[in-house]
């Protein structure tokens, strides 16, 4: 199942046949920039960096006379490639309703009518569904979280004003209009709203907590921070630690730590899929696509583009934590919904 790469478009020029399942091109003697390729058999994944970092494209069986046609930037360099080994002898495909991208038995549900109360922020996690109104009032959807199943019964206000919130399995983090950071702990089925907000150090623009309590944040200067020691057994952690890189938005979930750069580039924190250990990771890798908001969850990664379209990242797993492609999600039979954000920390 070889991959043949060429130095010129049209599958011309200098060529190299790659047969190993994982190849760092420099070590394999490929000194030219790849312009075209031929795939025989299973798909190959192309990366911009050595050791299979920086997802660039996936090539299925066929002839690719010009990689730029696939959307690969002209200045991009393929530095490593990997064969997708899964058997293609018994392929399976899941079909969805073309208008909604979901089974019609599970429609999108309006939990809080925007005509009755404008919502500034919403977050869902193991501790339930929470929201922030335009006047910064914090709301909790009764009957959600802590093992409950269903859309909830009623919205009730929670003391304290916040501009943004993030819900974990047993905790809610919040940021007020002065960029002060608060944590609401002690949430349970008996006390689903907890008792009080605890102010902690730091000034942040946005915070995000994962299902195991791992917490990251971004400040107004787009500096990235990680809360040391934060986990379910110690939800507040110890202190903030700055992390290399600049982001305008960040999301922590079962699919790892994802973010949006100030240029709307999608970024993935390497080695954070499944949030192992303290969820620190090892570096940032740029993922294809341009978005204004991203959400990491156990079921995958969701995103919202600048024009309000909703997207879903397919193919994520431990072996390929950045997935393969973005798929546009249609959410309205007559008129597509214009999305502002999507949030789920499960």
C-alpha atoms as a PDB file:
ATOM      1  CA  UNK A   1       0.000   0.000   0.000  1.00  0.00           C
ATOM      2  CA  UNK A   2       2.609   2.534  -1.082  1.00  0.00           C
ATOM      3  CA  UNK A   3       2.490   6.299  -1.335  1.00  0.00           C
ATOM      4  CA  UNK A   4       4.389   7.792  -4.267  1.00  0.00           C
ATOM      5  CA  UNK A   5       5.278  11.491  -3.961  1.00  0.00           C
ATOM      6  CA  UNK A   6       6.465  13.842  -6.727  1.00  0.00           C
ATOM      7  CA  UNK A   7       8.367  17.111  -6.868  1.00  0.00           C
ATOM      8  CA  UNK A   8       6.161  18.585  -9.610  1.00  0.00           C
ATOM      9  CA  UNK A   9       2.442  18.819 -10.331  1.00  0.00           C
ATOM     10  CA  UNK A  10       0.956  16.240 -12.656  1.00  0.00           C
ATOM     11  CA  UNK A  11       2.879  13.457 -10.899  1.00  0.00           C
ATOM     12  CA  UNK A  12       6.066  14.493 -12.688  1.00  0.00           C
ATOM     13  CA  UNK A  13       9.620  15.300 -11.693  1.00  0.00           C
ATOM     14  CA  UNK A  14      11.614  13.580  -8.979  1.00  0.00           C
ATOM     15  CA  UNK A  15       9.667  10.853  -7.225  1.00  0.00           C
ATOM     16  CA  UNK A  16       9.933   8.663  -4.144  1.00  0.00           C
ATOM     17  CA  UNK A  17       7.957   5.525  -3.263  1.00  0.00           C
ATOM     18  CA  UNK A  18       7.159   5.272   0.470  1.00  0.00           C
ATOM     19  CA  UNK A  19       6.256   1.836   1.804  1.00  0.00           C
ATOM     20  CA  UNK A  20       6.821   2.055   5.561  1.00  0.00           C
ATOM     21  CA  UNK A  21       3.671   2.835   7.564  1.00  0.00           C
ATOM     22  CA  UNK A  22       5.297   5.839   9.261  1.00  0.00           C
ATOM     23  CA  UNK A  23       7.873   7.981   7.479  1.00  0.00           C
ATOM     24  CA  UNK A  24       9.800  11.109   8.435  1.00  0.00           C
ATOM     25  CA  UNK A  25      10.585  12.381   4.946  1.00  0.00           C
ATOM     26  CA  UNK A  26      13.957  13.959   5.670  1.00  0.00           C
ATOM     27  CA  UNK A  27      15.259  10.681   7.079  1.00  0.00           C
ATOM     28  CA  UNK A  28      13.822   8.814   4.089  1.00  0.00           C
ATOM     29  CA  UNK A  29      15.824  10.990   1.700  1.00  0.00           C
ATOM     30  CA  UNK A  30      12.946  13.116   0.367  1.00  0.00           C
ATOM     31  CA  UNK A  31      14.602  16.487  -0.181  1.00  0.00           C
ATOM     32  CA  UNK A  32      12.049  18.064  -2.508  1.00  0.00           C
ATOM     33  CA  UNK A  33       8.736  19.812  -1.828  1.00  0.00           C
ATOM     34  CA  UNK A  34       5.846  17.480  -2.560  1.00  0.00           C
ATOM     35  CA  UNK A  35       3.517  18.851  -5.244  1.00  0.00           C
ATOM     36  CA  UNK A  36       1.569  15.715  -6.261  1.00  0.00           C
ATOM     37  CA  UNK A  37       1.074  12.117  -5.132  1.00  0.00           C
ATOM     38  CA  UNK A  38      -0.412   8.717  -5.921  1.00  0.00           C
ATOM     39  CA  UNK A  39      -2.005   6.527  -3.227  1.00  0.00           C
ATOM     40  CA  UNK A  40      -2.375   2.793  -3.769  1.00  0.00           C
ATOM     41  CA  UNK A  41      -4.594   1.153  -1.114  1.00  0.00           C
ATOM     42  CA  UNK A  42      -5.329   2.557   2.335  1.00  0.00           C
ATOM     43  CA  UNK A  43      -5.330   6.329   3.018  1.00  0.00           C
ATOM     44  CA  UNK A  44      -2.223   8.269   4.004  1.00  0.00           C
ATOM     45  CA  UNK A  45      -2.137  11.228   6.425  1.00  0.00           C
ATOM     46  CA  UNK A  46       0.177  14.159   5.646  1.00  0.00           C
ATOM     47  CA  UNK A  47       1.762  16.273   8.406  1.00  0.00           C
ATOM     48  CA  UNK A  48       3.650  19.586   8.311  1.00  0.00           C
ATOM     49  CA  UNK A  49       6.103  18.578  11.046  1.00  0.00           C
ATOM     50  CA  UNK A  50       8.264  15.577  11.787  1.00  0.00           C
ATOM     51  CA  UNK A  51       6.991  12.848  14.130  1.00  0.00           C
ATOM     52  CA  UNK A  52       3.468  13.241  12.748  1.00  0.00           C
ATOM     53  CA  UNK A  53       2.533  16.641  14.160  1.00  0.00           C
ATOM     54  CA  UNK A  54       0.603  19.382  12.388  1.00  0.00           C
ATOM     55  CA  UNK A  55      -2.165  17.663  10.420  1.00  0.00           C
ATOM     56  CA  UNK A  56      -2.217  18.862   6.812  1.00  0.00           C
ATOM     57  CA  UNK A  57      -4.384  16.539   4.709  1.00  0.00           C
ATOM     58  CA  UNK A  58      -5.589  12.980   4.236  1.00  0.00           C
ATOM     59  CA  UNK A  59      -5.221  11.286   0.866  1.00  0.00           C
ATOM     60  CA  UNK A  60      -7.448   8.351   0.000  1.00  0.00           C
ATOM     61  CA  UNK A  61      -6.666   5.910  -2.820  1.00  0.00           C
ATOM     62  CA  UNK A  62      -6.203   7.715  -6.101  1.00  0.00           C
ATOM     63  CA  UNK A  63      -4.073  10.108  -8.113  1.00  0.00           C
ATOM     64  CA  UNK A  64      -3.497  13.681  -6.851  1.00  0.00           C
ATOM     65  CA  UNK A  65      -1.916  15.741  -9.631  1.00  0.00           C
ATOM     66  CA  UNK A  66      -1.926  18.980  -7.644  1.00  0.00           C
ATOM     67  CA  UNK A  67      -2.107  19.017  -3.838  1.00  0.00           C
ATOM     68  CA  UNK A  68      -3.037  22.709  -3.838  1.00  0.00           C
ATOM     69  CA  UNK A  69      -6.449  21.733  -5.237  1.00  0.00           C
ATOM     70  CA  UNK A  70      -7.123  20.034  -1.878  1.00  0.00           C
ATOM     71  CA  UNK A  71      -6.651  23.347  -0.101  1.00  0.00           C
ATOM     72  CA  UNK A  72      -3.071  22.637   0.932  1.00  0.00           C
ATOM     73  CA  UNK A  73      -1.321  26.045   1.166  1.00  0.00           C
ATOM     74  CA  UNK A  74       1.364  26.609  -1.454  1.00  0.00           C
ATOM     75  CA  UNK A  75       3.967  27.369   1.218  1.00  0.00           C
ATOM     76  CA  UNK A  76       3.186  24.233   3.258  1.00  0.00           C
ATOM     77  CA  UNK A  77       5.821  21.529   3.484  1.00  0.00           C
ATOM     78  CA  UNK A  78       5.044  17.872   4.058  1.00  0.00           C
ATOM     79  CA  UNK A  79       7.540  16.652   6.673  1.00  0.00           C
ATOM     80  CA  UNK A  80       6.069  13.289   7.707  1.00  0.00           C
ATOM     81  CA  UNK A  81       3.402  10.842   6.562  1.00  0.00           C
ATOM     82  CA  UNK A  82       1.500   7.991   8.173  1.00  0.00           C
ATOM     83  CA  UNK A  83      -0.474   5.095   6.693  1.00  0.00           C
ATOM     84  CA  UNK A  84      -4.023   4.618   7.999  1.00  0.00           C
ATOM     85  CA  UNK A  85      -3.906   0.878   8.696  1.00  0.00           C
ATOM     86  CA  UNK A  86      -7.534   0.053   9.484  1.00  0.00           C
ATOM     87  CA  UNK A  87      -9.026  -2.595   7.220  1.00  0.00           C
ATOM     88  CA  UNK A  88     -11.204  -1.350   4.380  1.00  0.00           C
ATOM     89  CA  UNK A  89     -12.661  -4.793   3.711  1.00  0.00           C
ATOM     90  CA  UNK A  90     -15.887  -4.122   5.614  1.00  0.00           C
ATOM     91  CA  UNK A  91     -16.537  -0.360   5.493  1.00  0.00           C
ATOM     92  CA  UNK A  92     -19.468   1.164   7.356  1.00  0.00           C
ATOM     93  CA  UNK A  93     -21.233   4.465   6.900  1.00  0.00           C
ATOM     94  CA  UNK A  94     -23.785   6.271   9.067  1.00  0.00           C
ATOM     95  CA  UNK A  95     -26.435   8.279   7.239  1.00  0.00           C
ATOM     96  CA  UNK A  96     -28.154  11.305   8.751  1.00  0.00           C
ATOM     97  CA  UNK A  97     -31.169  13.358   7.793  1.00  0.00           C
ATOM     98  CA  UNK A  98     -29.816  15.808   5.196  1.00  0.00           C
ATOM     99  CA  UNK A  99     -31.554  18.789   6.758  1.00  0.00           C
ATOM    100  CA  UNK A 100     -30.596  18.311  10.402  1.00  0.00           C
ATOM    101  CA  UNK A 101     -27.533  16.003  10.474  1.00  0.00           C
ATOM    102  CA  UNK A 102     -29.289  14.124  13.270  1.00  0.00           C
ATOM    103  CA  UNK A 103     -31.894  11.441  13.653  1.00  0.00           C
ATOM    104  CA  UNK A 104     -35.313  13.103  13.545  1.00  0.00           C
ATOM    105  CA  UNK A 105     -36.186  11.438  16.861  1.00  0.00           C
ATOM    106  CA  UNK A 106     -33.559  13.616  18.588  1.00  0.00           C
ATOM    107  CA  UNK A 107     -34.324  17.175  17.454  1.00  0.00           C
ATOM    108  CA  UNK A 108     -32.665  20.362  18.674  1.00  0.00           C
ATOM    109  CA  UNK A 109     -34.572  21.628  21.715  1.00  0.00           C
ATOM    110  CA  UNK A 110     -35.045  25.263  22.757  1.00  0.00           C
ATOM    111  CA  UNK A 111     -34.238  25.327  26.475  1.00  0.00           C
ATOM    112  CA  UNK A 112     -34.647  29.061  27.012  1.00  0.00           C
ATOM    113  CA  UNK A 113     -36.510  31.146  24.456  1.00  0.00           C
ATOM    114  CA  UNK A 114     -34.321  34.084  23.456  1.00  0.00           C
ATOM    115  CA  UNK A 115     -37.409  36.256  22.947  1.00  0.00           C
ATOM    116  CA  UNK A 116     -38.142  35.908  26.664  1.00  0.00           C
ATOM    117  CA  UNK A 117     -34.576  36.364  27.931  1.00  0.00           C
ATOM    118  CA  UNK A 118     -31.452  37.079  25.912  1.00  0.00           C
ATOM    119  CA  UNK A 119     -28.586  34.709  26.727  1.00  0.00           C
ATOM    120  CA  UNK A 120     -24.980  35.897  26.801  1.00  0.00           C
ATOM    121  CA  UNK A 121     -23.322  32.564  27.632  1.00  0.00           C
ATOM    122  CA  UNK A 122     -24.342  28.946  28.193  1.00  0.00           C
ATOM    123  CA  UNK A 123     -22.384  25.942  29.457  1.00  0.00           C
ATOM    124  CA  UNK A 124     -23.231  22.281  30.055  1.00  0.00           C
ATOM    125  CA  UNK A 125     -21.341  19.631  32.010  1.00  0.00           C
ATOM    126  CA  UNK A 126     -21.731  16.958  34.641  1.00  0.00           C
ATOM    127  CA  UNK A 127     -22.987  19.626  37.059  1.00  0.00           C
ATOM    128  CA  UNK A 128     -25.862  20.524  34.741  1.00  0.00           C
ATOM    129  CA  UNK A 129     -26.797  23.257  32.291  1.00  0.00           C
ATOM    130  CA  UNK A 130     -25.995  26.823  33.338  1.00  0.00           C
ATOM    131  CA  UNK A 131     -26.433  30.138  31.527  1.00  0.00           C
ATOM    132  CA  UNK A 132     -25.670  33.844  31.836  1.00  0.00           C
ATOM    133  CA  UNK A 133     -28.278  36.414  30.771  1.00  0.00           C
ATOM    134  CA  UNK A 134     -27.464  39.730  29.117  1.00  0.00           C
ATOM    135  CA  UNK A 135     -27.751  41.444  32.507  1.00  0.00           C
ATOM    136  CA  UNK A 136     -25.087  38.984  33.823  1.00  0.00           C
ATOM    137  CA  UNK A 137     -27.572  37.054  35.972  1.00  0.00           C
ATOM    138  CA  UNK A 138     -26.464  33.434  36.409  1.00  0.00           C
ATOM    139  CA  UNK A 139     -29.139  30.803  35.749  1.00  0.00           C
ATOM    140  CA  UNK A 140     -29.265  27.068  36.517  1.00  0.00           C
ATOM    141  CA  UNK A 141     -31.579  24.670  34.689  1.00  0.00           C
ATOM    142  CA  UNK A 142     -33.244  22.627  37.434  1.00  0.00           C
ATOM    143  CA  UNK A 143     -33.226  18.880  36.885  1.00  0.00           C
ATOM    144  CA  UNK A 144     -30.024  18.795  34.826  1.00  0.00           C
ATOM    145  CA  UNK A 145     -26.671  17.268  35.705  1.00  0.00           C
ATOM    146  CA  UNK A 146     -25.629  14.880  38.479  1.00  0.00           C
ATOM    147  CA  UNK A 147     -26.903  11.877  36.577  1.00  0.00           C
ATOM    148  CA  UNK A 148     -30.228  13.411  35.547  1.00  0.00           C
ATOM    149  CA  UNK A 149     -31.397  12.791  31.984  1.00  0.00           C
ATOM    150  CA  UNK A 150     -33.585  15.272  30.137  1.00  0.00           C
ATOM    151  CA  UNK A 151     -33.865  18.950  29.191  1.00  0.00           C
ATOM    152  CA  UNK A 152     -34.565  20.128  32.737  1.00  0.00           C
ATOM    153  CA  UNK A 153     -37.699  21.512  34.352  1.00  0.00           C
ATOM    154  CA  UNK A 154     -37.226  25.227  35.050  1.00  0.00           C
ATOM    155  CA  UNK A 155     -34.605  27.959  35.098  1.00  0.00           C
ATOM    156  CA  UNK A 156     -33.761  29.538  38.468  1.00  0.00           C
ATOM    157  CA  UNK A 157     -31.389  32.400  39.206  1.00  0.00           C
ATOM    158  CA  UNK A 158     -28.184  31.904  41.189  1.00  0.00           C
ATOM    159  CA  UNK A 159     -26.755  34.661  43.358  1.00  0.00           C
ATOM    160  CA  UNK A 160     -23.832  36.506  41.787  1.00  0.00           C
ATOM    161  CA  UNK A 161     -23.222  38.292  38.490  1.00  0.00           C
ATOM    162  CA  UNK A 162     -20.936  36.720  35.885  1.00  0.00           C
ATOM    163  CA  UNK A 163     -19.942  37.519  32.313  1.00  0.00           C
ATOM    164  CA  UNK A 164     -18.842  33.976  31.406  1.00  0.00           C
ATOM    165  CA  UNK A 165     -19.109  30.548  33.036  1.00  0.00           C
ATOM    166  CA  UNK A 166     -17.801  27.032  32.464  1.00  0.00           C
ATOM    167  CA  UNK A 167     -19.362  23.893  33.965  1.00  0.00           C
ATOM    168  CA  UNK A 168     -17.447  20.783  35.004  1.00  0.00           C
ATOM    169  CA  UNK A 169     -18.602  17.580  36.681  1.00  0.00           C
ATOM    170  CA  UNK A 170     -18.703  19.003  40.219  1.00  0.00           C
ATOM    171  CA  UNK A 171     -17.755  22.638  39.818  1.00  0.00           C
ATOM    172  CA  UNK A 172     -18.630  25.858  37.987  1.00  0.00           C
ATOM    173  CA  UNK A 173     -15.996  28.455  37.118  1.00  0.00           C
ATOM    174  CA  UNK A 174     -16.993  32.048  36.374  1.00  0.00           C
ATOM    175  CA  UNK A 175     -15.559  35.395  35.276  1.00  0.00           C
ATOM    176  CA  UNK A 176     -17.291  38.682  36.154  1.00  0.00           C
ATOM    177  CA  UNK A 177     -17.278  41.991  34.273  1.00  0.00           C
ATOM    178  CA  UNK A 178     -14.094  43.064  36.095  1.00  0.00           C
ATOM    179  CA  UNK A 179     -12.332  39.891  34.822  1.00  0.00           C
ATOM    180  CA  UNK A 180     -12.197  38.511  38.359  1.00  0.00           C
ATOM    181  CA  UNK A 181     -12.299  34.711  38.599  1.00  0.00           C
ATOM    182  CA  UNK A 182     -14.673  32.761  40.842  1.00  0.00           C
ATOM    183  CA  UNK A 183     -15.298  29.071  41.553  1.00  0.00           C
ATOM    184  CA  UNK A 184     -18.528  27.501  42.781  1.00  0.00           C
ATOM    185  CA  UNK A 185     -17.798  24.184  44.504  1.00  0.00           C
ATOM    186  CA  UNK A 186     -19.737  21.607  46.489  1.00  0.00           C
ATOM    187  CA  UNK A 187     -22.273  20.918  43.750  1.00  0.00           C
ATOM    188  CA  UNK A 188     -24.171  17.649  44.094  1.00  0.00           C
ATOM    189  CA  UNK A 189     -27.576  16.102  43.446  1.00  0.00           C
ATOM    190  CA  UNK A 190     -28.686  17.414  46.858  1.00  0.00           C
ATOM    191  CA  UNK A 191     -27.099  20.838  46.299  1.00  0.00           C
ATOM    192  CA  UNK A 192     -27.118  21.237  42.486  1.00  0.00           C
ATOM    193  CA  UNK A 193     -26.511  25.003  42.687  1.00  0.00           C
ATOM    194  CA  UNK A 194     -23.898  24.828  45.428  1.00  0.00           C
ATOM    195  CA  UNK A 195     -23.803  27.464  48.148  1.00  0.00           C
ATOM    196  CA  UNK A 196     -21.471  30.322  47.207  1.00  0.00           C
ATOM    197  CA  UNK A 197     -18.862  31.714  44.852  1.00  0.00           C
ATOM    198  CA  UNK A 198     -15.230  31.691  45.997  1.00  0.00           C
ATOM    199  CA  UNK A 199     -12.961  34.367  44.519  1.00  0.00           C
ATOM    200  CA  UNK A 200      -9.504  33.198  43.472  1.00  0.00           C
ATOM    201  CA  UNK A 201      -6.417  34.964  42.175  1.00  0.00           C
ATOM    202  CA  UNK A 202      -6.028  36.132  38.602  1.00  0.00           C
ATOM    203  CA  UNK A 203      -7.835  38.245  36.021  1.00  0.00           C
ATOM    204  CA  UNK A 204      -9.089  36.382  32.962  1.00  0.00           C
ATOM    205  CA  UNK A 205     -11.150  36.970  29.830  1.00  0.00           C
ATOM    206  CA  UNK A 206     -12.467  33.410  29.682  1.00  0.00           C
ATOM    207  CA  UNK A 207     -12.041  30.139  31.590  1.00  0.00           C
ATOM    208  CA  UNK A 208     -12.779  26.522  30.659  1.00  0.00           C
ATOM    209  CA  UNK A 209     -12.982  23.484  32.928  1.00  0.00           C
ATOM    210  CA  UNK A 210     -12.965  19.873  31.748  1.00  0.00           C
ATOM    211  CA  UNK A 211     -14.942  16.890  33.033  1.00  0.00           C
ATOM    212  CA  UNK A 212     -12.120  15.919  35.422  1.00  0.00           C
ATOM    213  CA  UNK A 213     -11.614  19.420  36.840  1.00  0.00           C
ATOM    214  CA  UNK A 214      -8.639  20.425  34.657  1.00  0.00           C
ATOM    215  CA  UNK A 215      -8.915  24.177  34.062  1.00  0.00           C
ATOM    216  CA  UNK A 216      -7.361  26.531  31.496  1.00  0.00           C
ATOM    217  CA  UNK A 217      -7.922  30.238  30.870  1.00  0.00           C
ATOM    218  CA  UNK A 218      -7.091  33.164  28.584  1.00  0.00           C
ATOM    219  CA  UNK A 219      -6.614  36.787  29.683  1.00  0.00           C
ATOM    220  CA  UNK A 220      -7.332  40.030  27.819  1.00  0.00           C
ATOM    221  CA  UNK A 221      -3.856  40.030  26.301  1.00  0.00           C
ATOM    222  CA  UNK A 222      -4.547  36.542  24.841  1.00  0.00           C
ATOM    223  CA  UNK A 223      -2.013  34.995  27.213  1.00  0.00           C
ATOM    224  CA  UNK A 224      -2.798  31.350  27.957  1.00  0.00           C
ATOM    225  CA  UNK A 225      -2.921  30.057  31.539  1.00  0.00           C
ATOM    226  CA  UNK A 226      -3.265  26.652  33.179  1.00  0.00           C
ATOM    227  CA  UNK A 227      -4.537  26.179  36.738  1.00  0.00           C
ATOM    228  CA  UNK A 228      -1.966  24.042  38.522  1.00  0.00           C
ATOM    229  CA  UNK A 229      -3.387  21.236  40.643  1.00  0.00           C
ATOM    230  CA  UNK A 230      -6.982  21.758  39.495  1.00  0.00           C
ATOM    231  CA  UNK A 231      -8.920  18.471  39.441  1.00  0.00           C
ATOM    232  CA  UNK A 232     -12.140  17.022  40.860  1.00  0.00           C
ATOM    233  CA  UNK A 233     -10.497  16.253  44.208  1.00  0.00           C
ATOM    234  CA  UNK A 234      -9.056  19.799  44.395  1.00  0.00           C
ATOM    235  CA  UNK A 235     -11.269  21.975  42.151  1.00  0.00           C
ATOM    236  CA  UNK A 236      -9.618  25.290  43.022  1.00  0.00           C
ATOM    237  CA  UNK A 237      -6.045  24.126  42.429  1.00  0.00           C
ATOM    238  CA  UNK A 238      -3.059  26.099  43.672  1.00  0.00           C
ATOM    239  CA  UNK A 239      -2.018  28.840  41.230  1.00  0.00           C
ATOM    240  CA  UNK A 240      -2.021  29.980  37.591  1.00  0.00           C
ATOM    241  CA  UNK A 241       0.878  29.015  35.314  1.00  0.00           C
ATOM    242  CA  UNK A 242       1.408  30.791  31.997  1.00  0.00           C
ATOM    243  CA  UNK A 243       1.665  28.599  28.885  1.00  0.00           C
ATOM    244  CA  UNK A 244       3.491  29.390  25.649  1.00  0.00           C
ATOM    245  CA  UNK A 245       1.209  30.551  22.864  1.00  0.00           C
ATOM    246  CA  UNK A 246      -1.502  33.159  22.343  1.00  0.00           C
ATOM    247  CA  UNK A 247      -5.206  32.394  22.136  1.00  0.00           C
ATOM    248  CA  UNK A 248      -8.404  34.431  22.126  1.00  0.00           C
ATOM    249  CA  UNK A 249     -10.594  31.467  23.129  1.00  0.00           C
ATOM    250  CA  UNK A 250      -9.996  28.102  24.817  1.00  0.00           C
ATOM    251  CA  UNK A 251     -11.983  24.923  25.504  1.00  0.00           C
ATOM    252  CA  UNK A 252     -11.176  21.936  27.732  1.00  0.00           C
ATOM    253  CA  UNK A 253     -13.038  18.649  27.276  1.00  0.00           C
ATOM    254  CA  UNK A 254     -12.756  14.940  26.668  1.00  0.00           C
ATOM    255  CA  UNK A 255     -11.188  15.561  23.248  1.00  0.00           C
ATOM    256  CA  UNK A 256      -8.395  17.550  24.853  1.00  0.00           C
ATOM    257  CA  UNK A 257      -7.510  21.233  25.032  1.00  0.00           C
ATOM    258  CA  UNK A 258      -8.441  23.238  21.923  1.00  0.00           C
ATOM    259  CA  UNK A 259      -8.240  26.954  21.229  1.00  0.00           C
ATOM    260  CA  UNK A 260      -8.673  29.762  18.726  1.00  0.00           C
ATOM    261  CA  UNK A 261      -5.769  32.088  17.930  1.00  0.00           C
ATOM    262  CA  UNK A 262      -6.210  35.863  17.559  1.00  0.00           C
ATOM    263  CA  UNK A 263      -6.228  35.193  13.779  1.00  0.00           C
ATOM    264  CA  UNK A 264      -9.103  32.670  14.134  1.00  0.00           C
ATOM    265  CA  UNK A 265      -6.777  29.699  13.570  1.00  0.00           C
ATOM    266  CA  UNK A 266      -7.783  26.421  15.240  1.00  0.00           C
ATOM    267  CA  UNK A 267      -5.165  25.070  17.641  1.00  0.00           C
ATOM    268  CA  UNK A 268      -4.844  21.724  19.450  1.00  0.00           C
ATOM    269  CA  UNK A 269      -2.740  21.145  22.570  1.00  0.00           C
ATOM    270  CA  UNK A 270      -0.618  18.078  21.829  1.00  0.00           C
ATOM    271  CA  UNK A 271      -1.007  15.021  24.079  1.00  0.00           C
ATOM    272  CA  UNK A 272      -4.168  16.276  25.832  1.00  0.00           C
ATOM    273  CA  UNK A 273      -6.718  13.955  24.181  1.00  0.00           C
ATOM    274  CA  UNK A 274      -8.675  12.331  27.025  1.00  0.00           C
ATOM    275  CA  UNK A 275      -7.053  14.810  29.476  1.00  0.00           C
ATOM    276  CA  UNK A 276      -4.431  12.385  30.851  1.00  0.00           C
ATOM    277  CA  UNK A 277      -2.743  13.265  34.143  1.00  0.00           C
ATOM    278  CA  UNK A 278      -2.989  16.989  34.805  1.00  0.00           C
ATOM    279  CA  UNK A 279      -3.821  17.773  31.155  1.00  0.00           C
ATOM    280  CA  UNK A 280      -0.686  19.866  30.602  1.00  0.00           C
ATOM    281  CA  UNK A 281       0.179  18.669  27.100  1.00  0.00           C
ATOM    282  CA  UNK A 282       3.390  19.458  25.271  1.00  0.00           C
ATOM    283  CA  UNK A 283       2.838  22.120  22.588  1.00  0.00           C
ATOM    284  CA  UNK A 284       0.353  23.596  20.104  1.00  0.00           C
ATOM    285  CA  UNK A 285      -0.447  22.238  16.650  1.00  0.00           C
ATOM    286  CA  UNK A 286      -2.413  24.198  14.065  1.00  0.00           C
ATOM    287  CA  UNK A 287      -5.473  22.381  12.710  1.00  0.00           C
ATOM    288  CA  UNK A 288      -7.067  23.204   9.364  1.00  0.00           C
ATOM    289  CA  UNK A 289     -10.058  25.537   9.428  1.00  0.00           C
ATOM    290  CA  UNK A 290     -10.885  29.083  10.570  1.00  0.00           C
ATOM    291  CA  UNK A 291     -13.304  29.490  13.483  1.00  0.00           C
ATOM    292  CA  UNK A 292     -14.280  32.029  16.148  1.00  0.00           C
ATOM    293  CA  UNK A 293     -15.312  29.500  18.796  1.00  0.00           C
ATOM    294  CA  UNK A 294     -14.498  25.853  19.526  1.00  0.00           C
ATOM    295  CA  UNK A 295     -15.813  23.286  22.006  1.00  0.00           C
ATOM    296  CA  UNK A 296     -14.039  20.089  23.101  1.00  0.00           C
ATOM    297  CA  UNK A 297     -16.262  17.243  24.331  1.00  0.00           C
ATOM    298  CA  UNK A 298     -16.145  13.470  24.786  1.00  0.00           C
ATOM    299  CA  UNK A 299     -17.963  13.001  21.490  1.00  0.00           C
ATOM    300  CA  UNK A 300     -15.653  15.223  19.430  1.00  0.00           C
ATOM    301  CA  UNK A 301     -14.978  18.874  18.739  1.00  0.00           C
ATOM    302  CA  UNK A 302     -17.563  21.439  17.677  1.00  0.00           C
ATOM    303  CA  UNK A 303     -16.897  24.856  16.214  1.00  0.00           C
ATOM    304  CA  UNK A 304     -18.595  28.044  15.060  1.00  0.00           C
ATOM    305  CA  UNK A 305     -17.338  30.065  12.097  1.00  0.00           C
ATOM    306  CA  UNK A 306     -17.481  33.837  11.718  1.00  0.00           C
ATOM    307  CA  UNK A 307     -20.657  33.623   9.618  1.00  0.00           C
ATOM    308  CA  UNK A 308     -22.519  31.662  12.319  1.00  0.00           C
ATOM    309  CA  UNK A 309     -22.219  28.181  10.806  1.00  0.00           C
ATOM    310  CA  UNK A 310     -21.891  25.134  13.074  1.00  0.00           C
ATOM    311  CA  UNK A 311     -19.136  22.583  12.365  1.00  0.00           C
ATOM    312  CA  UNK A 312     -18.161  19.163  13.744  1.00  0.00           C
ATOM    313  CA  UNK A 313     -14.662  17.668  13.661  1.00  0.00           C
ATOM    314  CA  UNK A 314     -14.745  14.020  12.572  1.00  0.00           C
ATOM    315  CA  UNK A 315     -12.375  11.119  13.103  1.00  0.00           C
ATOM    316  CA  UNK A 316     -10.915  11.959  16.513  1.00  0.00           C
ATOM    317  CA  UNK A 317      -9.414   9.146  18.572  1.00  0.00           C
ATOM    318  CA  UNK A 318      -6.334   8.437  20.666  1.00  0.00           C
ATOM    319  CA  UNK A 319      -4.316   7.615  17.549  1.00  0.00           C
ATOM    320  CA  UNK A 320      -5.470  10.677  15.641  1.00  0.00           C
ATOM    321  CA  UNK A 321      -6.489  13.263  18.266  1.00  0.00           C
ATOM    322  CA  UNK A 322      -6.927  16.080  15.732  1.00  0.00           C
ATOM    323  CA  UNK A 323      -9.333  14.139  13.512  1.00  0.00           C
ATOM    324  CA  UNK A 324      -9.564  14.328   9.738  1.00  0.00           C
ATOM    325  CA  UNK A 325     -12.144  16.848   8.500  1.00  0.00           C
ATOM    326  CA  UNK A 326     -14.690  19.479   9.498  1.00  0.00           C
ATOM    327  CA  UNK A 327     -18.312  18.772   8.580  1.00  0.00           C
ATOM    328  CA  UNK A 328     -20.911  21.490   8.365  1.00  0.00           C
ATOM    329  CA  UNK A 329     -23.980  20.747  10.494  1.00  0.00           C
ATOM    330  CA  UNK A 330     -27.384  21.721   9.133  1.00  0.00           C
ATOM    331  CA  UNK A 331     -29.693  22.552  12.028  1.00  0.00           C
ATOM    332  CA  UNK A 332     -32.880  23.916  10.518  1.00  0.00           C
ATOM    333  CA  UNK A 333     -35.244  22.412   7.943  1.00  0.00           C
ATOM    334  CA  UNK A 334     -36.413  25.753   6.548  1.00  0.00           C
ATOM    335  CA  UNK A 335     -33.878  28.273   7.770  1.00  0.00           C
ATOM    336  CA  UNK A 336     -30.498  27.315   9.133  1.00  0.00           C
ATOM    337  CA  UNK A 337     -29.799  28.529  12.678  1.00  0.00           C
ATOM    338  CA  UNK A 338     -27.096  31.190  12.979  1.00  0.00           C
ATOM    339  CA  UNK A 339     -24.864  30.056  15.835  1.00  0.00           C
ATOM    340  CA  UNK A 340     -22.938  32.191  18.294  1.00  0.00           C
ATOM    341  CA  UNK A 341     -21.308  29.500  20.433  1.00  0.00           C
ATOM    342  CA  UNK A 342     -21.542  25.840  21.451  1.00  0.00           C
ATOM    343  CA  UNK A 343     -20.440  24.485  24.817  1.00  0.00           C
ATOM    344  CA  UNK A 344     -20.218  21.026  26.358  1.00  0.00           C
ATOM    345  CA  UNK A 345     -17.470  19.930  28.764  1.00  0.00           C
ATOM    346  CA  UNK A 346     -18.523  16.276  29.041  1.00  0.00           C
END
